[in-house]
């Protein structure tokens, strides 16, 4: 079967190609691939998504028609069916799945054009109102936490933005952990939010508010979150070694994806604790930067902060808080750092306290909307 790289990230071009791939009438499409030469892929492949993620190491994830459609059907079964608005890059799995869900539901998706702004989002959302046999058609969208926070900020003084975000039956939020303070603000504003967990290798979010979608299984093995089910990718294009390392077939035949995330299951709810490998060694003690970041984000004014590790002459490595200047200015920088250090010391221990707070005009992000942690780390290291 032929794989046709899609040049650029124009949403309508991707939607057109995706329809052909899902219906079996066209070639599989390659998103984010370098070079424009067709390659051969296995039968049933719909999309190959190439992304470097936050680590900078490229990977080309092979997603079948069955996996993508299974994910879309399981989502509809969990949150309902309706019309979808694309507000994310269509070349990344979260945006791609907005299109898959729309195609499976046989509804034309709405597409927000241009850069993401609260005004543009509100305009696109409020134009989606429609009825079917006299009943209002529910609307849905997917966002990353930074987008939701920006919308909530704007909604405080813009009634159109508030009406827009309240109009959705459900807003899926994923790509990274949703800071508790942002979730609390959404709930206070009567915005219906569902937190999602997943990756390109699982066809996007497959655990909603801590509970797996239908057909998806989750287990903790050696402290690592592992996922099984019909939404799993076939593997990595042209990389059997990497595929075998990430996808393990158990003795009973079940195929498990090793996420690389640490987590626990409490009752029937999955709680992800961060990346197993996002750890620094400071003064001979292992410190999870994800855990530190979750605590830091509970401090007023630091809800969008990112915590990175840098070299430190005394401790070997130390953690640094990087936060948007506009948020931090609401309170004293010194007070925020002191509160963050005290909170981390209380929850983890004095050894895990962040060394510094660095204010920036804007947090660098990847095209997917996630923080570009490597770029942030390099910038901090170059200054200090």
Protein backbone atom coordinates (compact mmCIF):
# COMPACT_ATOMS: atom_id res chain seq x y z
CA UNK A 1 0.00 0.00 0.00
CA UNK A 2 1.28 3.46 -0.89
CA UNK A 3 1.93 6.22 1.64
CA UNK A 4 1.61 9.76 0.25
CA UNK A 5 3.29 12.49 2.34
CA UNK A 6 1.04 15.51 2.80
CA UNK A 7 3.01 18.67 2.10
CA UNK A 8 2.19 21.41 4.62
CA UNK A 9 -0.46 21.38 7.31
CA UNK A 10 -3.45 22.94 5.57
CA UNK A 11 -6.44 21.41 7.44
CA UNK A 12 -8.72 21.05 4.42
CA UNK A 13 -6.01 19.22 2.46
CA UNK A 14 -5.52 16.82 5.37
CA UNK A 15 -9.29 16.31 5.75
CA UNK A 16 -9.68 15.47 2.07
CA UNK A 17 -6.80 12.99 2.13
CA UNK A 18 -7.98 11.48 5.40
CA UNK A 19 -11.44 10.76 4.01
CA UNK A 20 -9.88 8.74 1.20
CA UNK A 21 -7.57 6.88 3.58
CA UNK A 22 -10.35 5.96 6.03
CA UNK A 23 -12.73 4.88 3.28
CA UNK A 24 -10.02 2.84 1.55
CA UNK A 25 -10.39 4.87 -1.67
CA UNK A 26 -7.06 6.66 -1.42
CA UNK A 27 -3.49 6.10 -0.27
CA UNK A 28 -2.42 6.35 3.35
CA UNK A 29 -1.28 9.85 4.27
CA UNK A 30 1.97 10.84 5.89
CA UNK A 31 1.90 13.80 8.27
CA UNK A 32 5.01 15.67 9.37
CA UNK A 33 7.27 13.58 7.15
CA UNK A 34 10.50 15.03 5.76
CA UNK A 35 10.69 14.65 1.98
CA UNK A 36 7.90 14.13 -0.50
CA UNK A 37 8.56 10.65 -1.85
CA UNK A 38 5.85 7.96 -1.54
CA UNK A 39 6.79 4.82 0.42
CA UNK A 40 5.12 1.46 0.92
CA UNK A 41 3.23 0.61 4.11
CA UNK A 42 1.22 -2.38 5.21
CA UNK A 43 -2.38 -2.83 4.05
CA UNK A 44 -4.93 -1.14 6.29
CA UNK A 45 -2.66 1.77 7.20
CA UNK A 46 -4.51 5.10 7.20
CA UNK A 47 -1.99 7.60 8.56
CA UNK A 48 1.67 7.82 9.55
CA UNK A 49 2.25 10.65 12.00
CA UNK A 50 5.85 11.80 12.35
CA UNK A 51 6.62 13.86 15.40
CA UNK A 52 9.68 14.57 17.50
CA UNK A 53 7.63 15.20 20.64
CA UNK A 54 9.27 17.08 23.49
CA UNK A 55 12.49 15.06 23.34
CA UNK A 56 13.56 16.04 19.84
CA UNK A 57 13.86 12.41 18.66
CA UNK A 58 11.74 11.86 15.50
CA UNK A 59 9.33 8.93 15.36
CA UNK A 60 6.89 7.91 12.63
CA UNK A 61 3.84 6.23 14.18
CA UNK A 62 1.80 3.92 11.93
CA UNK A 63 -1.96 4.15 12.58
CA UNK A 64 -4.44 1.83 10.91
CA UNK A 65 -7.99 2.63 9.81
CA UNK A 66 -9.27 0.20 12.44
CA UNK A 67 -7.34 1.90 15.26
CA UNK A 68 -8.46 5.42 14.36
CA UNK A 69 -12.09 4.43 13.85
CA UNK A 70 -12.13 2.38 17.07
CA UNK A 71 -10.92 5.45 18.95
CA UNK A 72 -13.57 7.68 17.38
CA UNK A 73 -16.38 5.23 18.12
CA UNK A 74 -15.23 4.75 21.72
CA UNK A 75 -15.15 8.54 22.21
CA UNK A 76 -18.69 8.91 20.85
CA UNK A 77 -19.82 6.10 23.14
CA UNK A 78 -18.33 7.91 26.15
CA UNK A 79 -19.25 11.57 25.52
CA UNK A 80 -21.88 11.47 22.77
CA UNK A 81 -22.13 12.26 19.09
CA UNK A 82 -22.31 15.64 17.39
CA UNK A 83 -20.33 18.27 15.48
CA UNK A 84 -16.63 18.94 16.00
CA UNK A 85 -14.51 22.10 15.86
CA UNK A 86 -10.83 21.85 14.95
CA UNK A 87 -8.72 24.29 16.99
CA UNK A 88 -5.47 22.27 16.97
CA UNK A 89 -3.00 21.46 14.18
CA UNK A 90 -4.52 18.72 12.03
CA UNK A 91 -1.07 17.21 11.50
CA UNK A 92 -0.91 16.06 15.15
CA UNK A 93 -2.95 13.20 16.52
CA UNK A 94 -5.32 15.27 18.69
CA UNK A 95 -6.27 17.47 15.75
CA UNK A 96 -6.35 14.50 13.39
CA UNK A 97 -8.82 12.71 15.66
CA UNK A 98 -11.18 15.69 15.52
CA UNK A 99 -11.41 15.02 11.77
CA UNK A 100 -11.72 11.24 12.25
CA UNK A 101 -14.63 11.70 14.67
CA UNK A 102 -16.35 14.08 12.26
CA UNK A 103 -15.92 11.66 9.36
CA UNK A 104 -17.21 8.70 11.39
CA UNK A 105 -20.21 10.79 12.50
CA UNK A 106 -20.74 11.87 8.86
CA UNK A 107 -20.70 15.54 9.81
CA UNK A 108 -18.63 18.33 8.26
CA UNK A 109 -16.18 19.62 10.89
CA UNK A 110 -15.80 23.31 11.63
CA UNK A 111 -12.24 24.58 11.20
CA UNK A 112 -10.78 27.56 13.03
CA UNK A 113 -8.52 29.33 10.56
CA UNK A 114 -5.38 31.30 11.36
CA UNK A 115 -3.65 31.67 14.69
CA UNK A 116 -5.47 30.60 17.84
CA UNK A 117 -7.05 33.56 19.60
CA UNK A 118 -10.05 33.66 21.93
CA UNK A 119 -11.89 35.94 19.48
CA UNK A 120 -11.34 33.62 16.52
CA UNK A 121 -12.27 30.57 18.58
CA UNK A 122 -15.48 32.20 19.80
CA UNK A 123 -16.47 33.21 16.29
CA UNK A 124 -15.96 29.68 14.97
CA UNK A 125 -17.73 28.06 17.94
CA UNK A 126 -20.80 30.29 17.86
CA UNK A 127 -21.27 29.64 14.13
CA UNK A 128 -21.65 25.90 14.78
CA UNK A 129 -25.16 26.12 16.21
CA UNK A 130 -27.44 23.82 14.23
CA UNK A 131 -30.44 21.53 14.71
CA UNK A 132 -31.41 18.06 13.53
CA UNK A 133 -35.14 17.24 13.48
CA UNK A 134 -35.76 20.13 15.82
CA UNK A 135 -33.06 19.07 18.30
CA UNK A 136 -29.87 21.07 18.87
CA UNK A 137 -26.82 19.20 17.62
CA UNK A 138 -24.24 18.89 20.44
CA UNK A 139 -20.83 20.41 19.72
CA UNK A 140 -17.39 19.24 20.79
CA UNK A 141 -13.77 20.34 20.49
CA UNK A 142 -10.28 19.40 21.65
CA UNK A 143 -7.79 21.79 23.27
CA UNK A 144 -4.47 21.76 25.07
CA UNK A 145 -4.35 23.25 28.60
CA UNK A 146 -2.70 26.49 27.47
CA UNK A 147 -5.55 27.15 25.04
CA UNK A 148 -8.20 26.52 27.69
CA UNK A 149 -6.40 28.84 30.13
CA UNK A 150 -6.23 31.57 27.49
CA UNK A 151 -9.97 31.20 26.79
CA UNK A 152 -10.83 31.36 30.49
CA UNK A 153 -8.73 34.52 30.86
CA UNK A 154 -10.56 36.16 27.96
CA UNK A 155 -13.97 34.96 29.18
CA UNK A 156 -13.58 37.05 32.34
CA UNK A 157 -14.19 40.21 30.30
CA UNK A 158 -15.61 38.93 26.99
CA UNK A 159 -19.14 37.54 27.11
CA UNK A 160 -18.87 36.09 23.59
CA UNK A 161 -15.89 33.94 24.59
CA UNK A 162 -17.69 32.80 27.73
CA UNK A 163 -20.79 31.89 25.72
CA UNK A 164 -18.62 30.01 23.22
CA UNK A 165 -16.80 27.81 25.71
CA UNK A 166 -20.05 27.13 27.55
CA UNK A 167 -21.73 26.09 24.30
CA UNK A 168 -19.78 22.83 23.98
CA UNK A 169 -21.29 19.64 25.27
CA UNK A 170 -17.73 18.62 26.11
CA UNK A 171 -14.24 20.05 25.64
CA UNK A 172 -11.55 17.37 25.56
CA UNK A 173 -8.30 18.64 27.08
CA UNK A 174 -5.07 16.71 26.64
CA UNK A 175 -1.53 16.81 25.36
CA UNK A 176 -0.25 17.39 28.89
CA UNK A 177 -1.61 17.39 32.43
CA UNK A 178 -4.32 19.97 33.08
CA UNK A 179 -3.28 22.13 36.07
CA UNK A 180 -5.85 21.74 38.88
CA UNK A 181 -6.31 25.51 39.12
CA UNK A 182 -7.32 25.67 35.44
CA UNK A 183 -9.80 22.81 35.91
CA UNK A 184 -11.27 24.59 38.92
CA UNK A 185 -11.65 27.80 36.89
CA UNK A 186 -13.41 25.88 34.11
CA UNK A 187 -15.81 24.26 36.55
CA UNK A 188 -16.53 27.63 38.18
CA UNK A 189 -17.29 29.09 34.74
CA UNK A 190 -19.67 26.16 34.01
CA UNK A 191 -17.48 24.88 31.17
CA UNK A 192 -17.76 21.12 30.60
CA UNK A 193 -14.23 19.71 30.43
CA UNK A 194 -12.98 16.13 30.13
CA UNK A 195 -9.32 15.44 30.79
CA UNK A 196 -7.79 12.97 28.34
CA UNK A 197 -4.67 10.84 28.47
CA UNK A 198 -3.02 9.09 25.55
CA UNK A 199 -0.45 9.54 22.82
CA UNK A 200 0.02 9.16 19.08
CA UNK A 201 0.72 5.48 19.74
CA UNK A 202 -2.80 5.07 21.21
CA UNK A 203 -4.55 7.05 18.44
CA UNK A 204 -4.80 9.99 20.81
CA UNK A 205 -6.63 10.14 24.13
CA UNK A 206 -7.85 6.72 25.27
CA UNK A 207 -8.35 7.38 29.00
CA UNK A 208 -10.95 10.03 29.92
CA UNK A 209 -10.94 11.50 33.41
CA UNK A 210 -8.83 8.57 34.53
CA UNK A 211 -11.08 5.84 33.09
CA UNK A 212 -10.23 3.89 29.91
CA UNK A 213 -12.52 4.12 26.91
CA UNK A 214 -14.49 1.04 25.89
CA UNK A 215 -12.21 -1.76 24.71
CA UNK A 216 -9.11 -0.14 26.20
CA UNK A 217 -7.23 -1.81 29.06
CA UNK A 218 -4.75 -0.14 31.40
CA UNK A 219 -2.29 -1.75 33.80
CA UNK A 220 0.71 -0.71 35.88
CA UNK A 221 3.80 -2.87 35.34
CA UNK A 222 6.96 -1.98 37.23
CA UNK A 223 5.46 1.41 38.00
CA UNK A 224 4.87 2.13 34.29
CA UNK A 225 1.49 2.79 32.68
CA UNK A 226 0.82 0.26 29.92
CA UNK A 227 -2.13 0.28 27.52
CA UNK A 228 -3.82 -2.38 25.38
CA UNK A 229 -6.78 -2.35 23.04
CA UNK A 230 -7.94 -1.74 19.48
CA UNK A 231 -6.67 1.85 19.35
CA UNK A 232 -2.97 0.91 19.46
CA UNK A 233 -0.66 1.86 16.61
CA UNK A 234 0.93 -0.85 14.48
CA UNK A 235 4.36 0.46 15.45
CA UNK A 236 7.05 2.76 14.05
CA UNK A 237 7.65 3.01 10.33
CA UNK A 238 10.91 1.33 9.34
CA UNK A 239 12.02 0.81 12.94
CA UNK A 240 11.40 -2.75 14.12
CA UNK A 241 13.76 -2.40 17.08
CA UNK A 242 11.91 0.61 18.45
CA UNK A 243 8.56 -1.05 17.77
CA UNK A 244 9.55 -4.19 19.69
CA UNK A 245 10.79 -2.10 22.60
CA UNK A 246 7.56 -0.08 22.88
CA UNK A 247 4.97 -2.77 22.08
CA UNK A 248 5.11 -6.00 24.07
CA UNK A 249 2.98 -9.08 23.51
CA UNK A 250 2.13 -10.88 26.75
CA UNK A 251 1.88 -14.62 27.18
CA UNK A 252 -1.89 -14.53 26.70
CA UNK A 253 -1.48 -12.76 23.35
CA UNK A 254 -2.43 -9.28 24.60
CA UNK A 255 -0.36 -6.52 22.99
CA UNK A 256 0.68 -3.81 25.46
CA UNK A 257 2.11 -0.37 24.73
CA UNK A 258 4.76 0.82 27.18
CA UNK A 259 3.99 4.50 27.66
CA UNK A 260 7.12 5.51 29.60
CA UNK A 261 4.83 7.24 32.11
CA UNK A 262 4.75 6.51 35.81
CA UNK A 263 1.33 5.97 37.35
CA UNK A 264 -0.93 4.22 39.81
CA UNK A 265 -4.50 2.93 39.65
CA UNK A 266 -6.70 3.92 42.57
CA UNK A 267 -9.94 1.97 42.45
CA UNK A 268 -10.68 2.12 38.73
CA UNK A 269 -9.07 5.52 38.14
CA UNK A 270 -5.65 5.94 36.51
CA UNK A 271 -3.45 8.64 37.97
CA UNK A 272 -0.41 9.51 35.87
CA UNK A 273 2.60 10.74 37.82
CA UNK A 274 4.76 11.97 34.93
CA UNK A 275 7.50 10.63 32.71
CA UNK A 276 9.64 7.90 34.23
CA UNK A 277 12.69 9.38 32.49
CA UNK A 278 12.00 13.05 33.34
CA UNK A 279 14.22 12.79 36.38
CA UNK A 280 17.28 14.70 37.53
CA UNK A 281 19.87 13.63 40.10
CA UNK A 282 20.43 16.51 42.52
CA UNK A 283 22.91 15.97 45.32
CA UNK A 284 22.73 12.24 44.66
CA UNK A 285 18.92 12.12 45.00
CA UNK A 286 16.53 11.33 42.12
CA UNK A 287 13.89 14.04 41.63
CA UNK A 288 10.89 13.74 39.30
CA UNK A 289 10.53 17.06 37.48
CA UNK A 290 6.94 16.18 36.57
CA UNK A 291 6.05 15.82 40.22
CA UNK A 292 7.73 19.12 41.09
CA UNK A 293 5.92 20.82 38.20
CA UNK A 294 2.51 19.58 39.34
CA UNK A 295 3.09 21.09 42.78
CA UNK A 296 4.48 24.38 41.40
CA UNK A 297 1.41 24.82 39.21
CA UNK A 298 -0.81 24.98 42.28
CA UNK A 299 0.83 28.28 43.28
CA UNK A 300 -1.18 31.36 42.20
CA UNK A 301 0.40 32.91 39.11
CA UNK A 302 2.35 29.75 38.19
CA UNK A 303 -0.45 27.68 36.65
CA UNK A 304 1.33 27.56 33.26
CA UNK A 305 4.84 27.11 34.63
CA UNK A 306 7.25 24.52 33.26
CA UNK A 307 9.97 22.94 35.40
CA UNK A 308 13.22 21.91 33.72
CA UNK A 309 16.54 20.55 34.94
CA UNK A 310 19.85 22.34 34.39
CA UNK A 311 23.46 21.77 35.41
CA UNK A 312 24.33 23.06 38.88
CA UNK A 313 27.87 23.50 40.23
CA UNK A 314 26.91 22.55 43.78
CA UNK A 315 24.29 19.82 43.33
CA UNK A 316 25.14 18.46 39.88
CA UNK A 317 21.62 19.22 38.63
CA UNK A 318 18.86 21.50 39.86
CA UNK A 319 15.30 22.31 38.84
CA UNK A 320 14.27 25.72 37.54
CA UNK A 321 10.74 27.11 37.23
CA UNK A 322 10.02 28.93 33.96
CA UNK A 323 6.79 30.95 33.90
CA UNK A 324 5.12 33.50 31.60
CA UNK A 325 5.92 37.00 32.81
CA UNK A 326 2.32 38.22 32.47
CA UNK A 327 1.05 35.66 34.97
CA UNK A 328 3.89 36.07 37.43
CA UNK A 329 3.51 39.86 37.59
CA UNK A 330 0.22 39.48 39.37
CA UNK A 331 2.22 38.70 42.51
CA UNK A 332 5.76 39.25 43.75
CA UNK A 333 8.34 37.07 42.02
CA UNK A 334 10.16 36.42 45.28
CA UNK A 335 6.94 35.48 47.06
CA UNK A 336 6.00 33.04 44.30
CA UNK A 337 9.38 31.32 44.39
CA UNK A 338 9.27 31.07 48.19
CA UNK A 339 5.74 29.61 48.08
CA UNK A 340 6.70 27.13 45.37
CA UNK A 341 9.80 26.01 47.29
CA UNK A 342 7.78 25.63 50.50
CA UNK A 343 5.07 23.61 48.74
CA UNK A 344 7.60 21.28 47.09
CA UNK A 345 9.47 20.84 50.38
CA UNK A 346 6.20 19.92 52.13
CA UNK A 347 5.06 17.42 49.47
CA UNK A 348 8.40 15.88 48.45
CA UNK A 349 11.20 17.17 50.66
CA UNK A 350 13.72 19.98 50.91
CA UNK A 351 16.03 18.26 48.42
CA UNK A 352 13.48 18.75 45.61
CA UNK A 353 13.00 22.51 46.00
CA UNK A 354 13.42 24.47 42.74
CA UNK A 355 16.54 26.65 42.66
CA UNK A 356 15.21 29.59 40.66
CA UNK A 357 12.19 31.19 39.02
CA UNK A 358 12.81 32.51 35.51
CA UNK A 359 10.22 34.80 33.90
CA UNK A 360 9.80 34.82 30.12
CA UNK A 361 7.52 36.71 27.76
CA UNK A 362 6.17 33.45 26.36
CA UNK A 363 6.70 29.74 26.91
CA UNK A 364 8.16 28.14 23.75
CA UNK A 365 5.81 25.49 22.39
CA UNK A 366 5.87 22.73 19.83
CA UNK A 367 3.39 22.83 16.91
CA UNK A 368 1.23 20.44 18.94
CA UNK A 369 0.80 23.11 21.63
CA UNK A 370 2.91 21.28 24.22
CA UNK A 371 5.78 23.12 25.92
CA UNK A 372 9.06 22.69 24.04
CA UNK A 373 10.95 21.50 27.11
CA UNK A 374 14.27 21.04 25.34
CA UNK A 375 14.17 24.60 23.95
CA UNK A 376 13.23 25.90 27.40
CA UNK A 377 16.05 23.97 29.04
CA UNK A 378 18.60 25.23 26.51
CA UNK A 379 17.44 28.83 26.95
CA UNK A 380 17.71 28.65 30.75
CA UNK A 381 21.11 26.97 30.57
CA UNK A 382 22.45 29.60 28.16
CA UNK A 383 21.43 32.48 30.44
CA UNK A 384 22.60 30.97 33.72
